[in-house]
Protein backbone atom coordinates (compact mmCIF):
# COMPACT_ATOMS: atom_id res chain seq x y z
CA MET A 1 -0.11 0.40 -0.02
CA GLN A 2 1.42 3.27 -1.19
CA LEU A 3 0.25 6.27 1.27
CA VAL A 4 2.29 8.80 -0.51
CA PRO A 5 2.36 9.91 -3.97
CA GLY A 6 5.65 9.55 -5.08
CA ALA A 7 5.39 12.20 -7.49
CA GLU A 8 4.46 15.66 -7.85
CA GLN A 9 0.97 16.06 -8.30
CA SER A 10 -0.44 18.38 -11.41
CA THR A 11 -2.43 21.26 -9.63
CA PRO A 12 -5.97 22.18 -10.25
CA ALA A 13 -7.57 24.67 -12.15
CA ALA A 14 -9.07 26.09 -9.30
CA GLY A 15 -10.08 25.44 -5.74
CA ASP A 16 -11.95 27.03 -1.96
CA GLY A 17 -7.75 28.06 -0.60
CA ILE A 18 -4.33 27.40 -0.32
CA VAL A 19 -2.66 26.04 2.99
CA ALA A 20 1.21 25.87 3.26
CA LEU A 21 1.18 23.76 6.07
CA THR A 22 4.71 21.45 5.48
CA GLY A 23 6.73 20.85 3.13
CA GLY A 24 9.64 21.94 1.32
CA ALA A 25 11.83 25.22 0.79
CA GLU A 26 8.92 27.30 -1.63
CA ARG A 27 6.31 25.86 0.45
CA LEU A 28 5.19 29.36 0.54
CA SER A 29 5.67 31.19 -2.73
CA ASP A 30 4.89 27.82 -3.97
CA ALA A 31 1.26 29.45 -2.23
CA LEU A 32 1.49 33.06 -2.76
CA ARG A 33 2.11 32.32 -6.24
CA LEU A 34 -0.96 29.73 -7.04
CA LEU A 35 -3.16 33.11 -4.90
CA ALA A 36 -1.43 34.51 -7.59
CA SER A 37 -2.75 33.91 -10.67
CA GLY A 38 -6.07 32.89 -8.78
CA ARG A 39 -6.25 29.75 -8.57
CA GLY A 40 -7.35 29.86 -4.05
CA SER A 41 -9.57 31.75 -2.26
CA GLY A 42 -7.51 34.64 -0.37
CA CYS A 43 -10.25 34.36 2.54
């Protein structure tokens, strides 16, 4: 059984929000980039 994907998953077109709790060093800049591109709600 594999619980964690072996590769990075593609990003959906849009979402209700963006969460950057854990991950690599780029997680915050990636989250801000997604928010700036309109892929999540800011509120």
